[in-house]
N, C-alpha and C. Protein backbone atom coordinates (compact mmCIF):
# COMPACT_ATOMS: atom_id res chain seq x y z
N ARG A 1 -89.96 13.09 50.96
CA ARG A 1 -90.40 13.03 49.62
C ARG A 1 -90.33 14.34 48.93
N HIS A 2 -90.09 14.34 47.69
CA HIS A 2 -90.02 15.52 46.89
C HIS A 2 -91.06 15.51 45.84
N PHE A 3 -91.64 16.66 45.55
CA PHE A 3 -92.64 16.85 44.50
C PHE A 3 -92.11 17.85 43.56
N ASN A 4 -91.91 17.45 42.31
CA ASN A 4 -91.36 18.35 41.26
C ASN A 4 -92.44 18.60 40.28
N PRO A 5 -93.01 19.85 40.26
CA PRO A 5 -94.05 20.22 39.29
C PRO A 5 -93.50 19.96 37.82
N HIS A 6 -94.37 19.62 36.95
CA HIS A 6 -93.95 19.36 35.57
C HIS A 6 -94.87 20.15 34.58
N SER A 7 -94.67 19.93 33.34
CA SER A 7 -95.49 20.52 32.21
C SER A 7 -95.66 22.00 32.25
N GLY A 8 -94.75 22.67 32.84
CA GLY A 8 -94.74 24.12 32.79
C GLY A 8 -95.64 24.83 33.87
N SER A 9 -96.33 24.00 34.61
CA SER A 9 -97.17 24.57 35.69
C SER A 9 -96.29 24.52 37.01
N SER A 10 -96.81 25.31 37.98
CA SER A 10 -96.22 25.28 39.22
C SER A 10 -96.95 24.45 40.21
N GLY A 11 -97.86 23.61 39.75
CA GLY A 11 -98.57 22.69 40.66
C GLY A 11 -100.06 23.06 40.77
N ASN A 12 -100.73 22.16 41.49
CA ASN A 12 -102.11 22.38 41.77
C ASN A 12 -102.25 22.97 43.21
N PHE A 13 -102.05 24.23 43.30
CA PHE A 13 -102.07 24.83 44.65
C PHE A 13 -103.38 25.54 44.80
N ILE A 14 -103.83 25.53 46.08
CA ILE A 14 -105.16 26.17 46.41
C ILE A 14 -105.07 26.80 47.72
N SER A 15 -105.85 27.94 47.89
CA SER A 15 -105.74 28.66 49.18
C SER A 15 -106.81 28.12 50.18
N GLN A 16 -106.61 28.44 51.42
CA GLN A 16 -107.63 27.98 52.40
C GLN A 16 -108.95 28.75 52.24
N ASP A 17 -108.85 30.01 51.81
CA ASP A 17 -110.06 30.82 51.50
C ASP A 17 -110.91 30.12 50.49
N CYS A 18 -110.23 29.57 49.36
CA CYS A 18 -110.98 29.01 48.29
C CYS A 18 -111.60 27.71 48.86
N LEU A 19 -110.92 26.92 49.65
CA LEU A 19 -111.49 25.71 50.26
C LEU A 19 -112.67 26.02 51.06
N ASN A 20 -112.57 27.08 51.85
CA ASN A 20 -113.71 27.50 52.65
C ASN A 20 -114.96 27.83 51.78
N GLN A 21 -114.74 28.63 50.69
CA GLN A 21 -115.82 29.01 49.87
C GLN A 21 -116.47 27.78 49.18
N LEU A 22 -115.67 26.83 48.87
CA LEU A 22 -116.21 25.57 48.27
C LEU A 22 -116.68 24.57 49.25
N GLN A 23 -116.59 24.89 50.57
CA GLN A 23 -116.93 24.08 51.68
C GLN A 23 -116.27 22.71 51.65
N LEU A 24 -114.90 22.75 51.33
CA LEU A 24 -114.13 21.57 51.37
C LEU A 24 -113.17 21.62 52.57
N SER A 25 -112.89 20.51 53.08
CA SER A 25 -111.94 20.44 54.24
C SER A 25 -110.50 20.27 53.65
N HIS A 26 -109.53 20.31 54.54
CA HIS A 26 -108.21 20.04 54.08
C HIS A 26 -107.67 18.89 54.97
N CYS A 27 -106.81 18.07 54.42
CA CYS A 27 -106.23 16.93 55.11
C CYS A 27 -104.81 17.11 55.36
N ARG A 28 -104.40 16.75 56.62
CA ARG A 28 -102.97 16.91 56.98
C ARG A 28 -102.21 15.65 56.51
N HIS A 29 -101.09 15.86 55.87
CA HIS A 29 -100.24 14.75 55.41
C HIS A 29 -99.44 14.19 56.60
N PHE A 30 -99.28 12.92 56.58
CA PHE A 30 -98.36 12.33 57.64
C PHE A 30 -96.87 12.70 57.36
N GLN A 31 -96.61 12.95 56.09
CA GLN A 31 -95.22 13.26 55.68
C GLN A 31 -95.22 14.61 54.91
N VAL A 32 -94.33 15.48 55.35
CA VAL A 32 -94.24 16.79 54.69
C VAL A 32 -93.73 16.59 53.28
N LEU A 33 -94.38 17.20 52.26
CA LEU A 33 -93.89 17.21 50.92
C LEU A 33 -92.97 18.34 50.67
N SER A 34 -91.82 18.12 50.10
CA SER A 34 -90.88 19.17 49.73
C SER A 34 -91.19 19.55 48.33
N VAL A 35 -91.47 20.81 48.06
CA VAL A 35 -91.86 21.25 46.70
C VAL A 35 -90.76 22.13 46.18
N LYS A 36 -90.31 21.81 44.98
CA LYS A 36 -89.17 22.53 44.28
C LYS A 36 -89.64 22.89 42.91
N THR A 37 -88.98 23.99 42.37
CA THR A 37 -89.19 24.41 41.01
C THR A 37 -88.50 23.50 40.10
N ILE A 38 -88.68 23.63 38.78
CA ILE A 38 -87.96 22.80 37.79
C ILE A 38 -86.45 23.06 37.90
N GLN A 39 -86.04 24.24 38.49
CA GLN A 39 -84.63 24.54 38.63
C GLN A 39 -84.11 24.00 39.92
N GLY A 40 -84.97 23.33 40.72
CA GLY A 40 -84.52 22.71 41.94
C GLY A 40 -84.50 23.65 43.17
N LYS A 41 -85.09 24.84 43.03
CA LYS A 41 -85.17 25.79 44.18
C LYS A 41 -86.50 25.56 44.91
N PRO A 42 -86.59 25.75 46.24
CA PRO A 42 -87.78 25.64 46.99
C PRO A 42 -88.85 26.58 46.36
N LEU A 43 -90.08 26.09 46.25
CA LEU A 43 -91.20 26.87 45.76
C LEU A 43 -92.01 27.41 46.92
N GLY A 44 -92.06 28.71 47.08
CA GLY A 44 -92.68 29.30 48.24
C GLY A 44 -91.86 29.03 49.50
N ARG A 45 -92.57 28.45 50.48
CA ARG A 45 -91.90 28.04 51.73
C ARG A 45 -91.21 26.67 51.54
N GLY A 46 -91.50 26.03 50.42
CA GLY A 46 -90.82 24.77 50.09
C GLY A 46 -91.35 23.58 50.81
N ALA A 47 -92.47 23.71 51.58
CA ALA A 47 -93.01 22.55 52.28
C ALA A 47 -94.48 22.56 52.24
N VAL A 48 -95.18 21.41 51.96
CA VAL A 48 -96.61 21.29 51.97
C VAL A 48 -97.07 20.29 53.00
N ARG A 49 -97.93 20.73 53.84
CA ARG A 49 -98.36 19.83 54.95
C ARG A 49 -99.85 19.45 54.85
N TYR A 50 -100.63 20.20 53.94
CA TYR A 50 -102.01 19.93 53.86
C TYR A 50 -102.38 19.77 52.32
N SER A 51 -103.48 19.13 52.11
CA SER A 51 -104.02 19.10 50.72
C SER A 51 -105.59 19.05 50.77
N SER A 52 -106.20 19.29 49.69
CA SER A 52 -107.67 19.12 49.62
C SER A 52 -107.98 17.63 49.50
N PRO A 53 -109.21 17.27 49.71
CA PRO A 53 -109.67 15.92 49.43
C PRO A 53 -109.69 15.73 47.93
N PHE A 54 -109.69 14.48 47.39
CA PHE A 54 -109.83 14.26 45.98
C PHE A 54 -111.18 14.83 45.58
N ILE A 55 -111.24 15.59 44.41
CA ILE A 55 -112.43 16.06 43.90
C ILE A 55 -112.54 15.66 42.39
N THR A 56 -113.73 15.63 41.88
CA THR A 56 -113.99 15.31 40.48
C THR A 56 -114.32 16.57 39.76
N LEU A 57 -113.51 16.90 38.71
CA LEU A 57 -113.74 18.13 37.87
C LEU A 57 -114.37 17.51 36.55
N GLN A 58 -115.42 18.12 36.14
CA GLN A 58 -116.09 17.73 34.86
C GLN A 58 -116.17 18.91 33.92
N VAL A 59 -115.68 18.62 32.63
CA VAL A 59 -115.77 19.53 31.58
C VAL A 59 -116.63 18.97 30.42
N GLY A 60 -117.67 19.62 30.20
CA GLY A 60 -118.61 19.04 29.24
C GLY A 60 -119.32 17.81 29.74
N LEU A 61 -119.85 17.00 28.85
CA LEU A 61 -120.48 15.73 29.26
C LEU A 61 -119.65 14.51 29.49
N PHE A 62 -118.53 14.50 28.80
CA PHE A 62 -117.76 13.23 28.80
C PHE A 62 -116.38 13.32 29.40
N HIS A 63 -115.95 14.43 29.82
CA HIS A 63 -114.58 14.52 30.40
C HIS A 63 -114.62 14.78 31.79
N LYS A 64 -114.08 13.78 32.65
CA LYS A 64 -114.00 13.98 34.10
C LYS A 64 -112.56 13.65 34.53
N GLU A 65 -112.06 14.42 35.56
CA GLU A 65 -110.80 14.18 36.12
C GLU A 65 -110.87 14.16 37.64
N GLU A 66 -110.20 13.18 38.28
CA GLU A 66 -110.04 13.16 39.68
C GLU A 66 -108.72 13.87 40.04
N MET A 67 -108.78 14.84 40.91
CA MET A 67 -107.52 15.46 41.32
C MET A 67 -107.61 16.03 42.70
N TRP A 68 -106.48 16.40 43.23
CA TRP A 68 -106.44 17.07 44.51
C TRP A 68 -105.46 18.21 44.54
N PHE A 69 -105.65 19.15 45.41
CA PHE A 69 -104.85 20.35 45.40
C PHE A 69 -103.97 20.42 46.67
N LEU A 70 -102.85 20.98 46.52
CA LEU A 70 -101.87 21.14 47.62
C LEU A 70 -102.09 22.49 48.26
């Protein structure tokens, strides 16, 4: 599988240190995700094996988003 970041961002990437500070675990993917830039070049090492669990981000009273980080 390939993941191509869009909308000008380079993706929802998070460090293990940040996960530790937030007391969140990481989940191993059964399938390695190949990550490429909009130009088609590998981003970083080009492979993602772990992600954060789904989390809910809330901005203000009425806006919530479910997302996960690679």
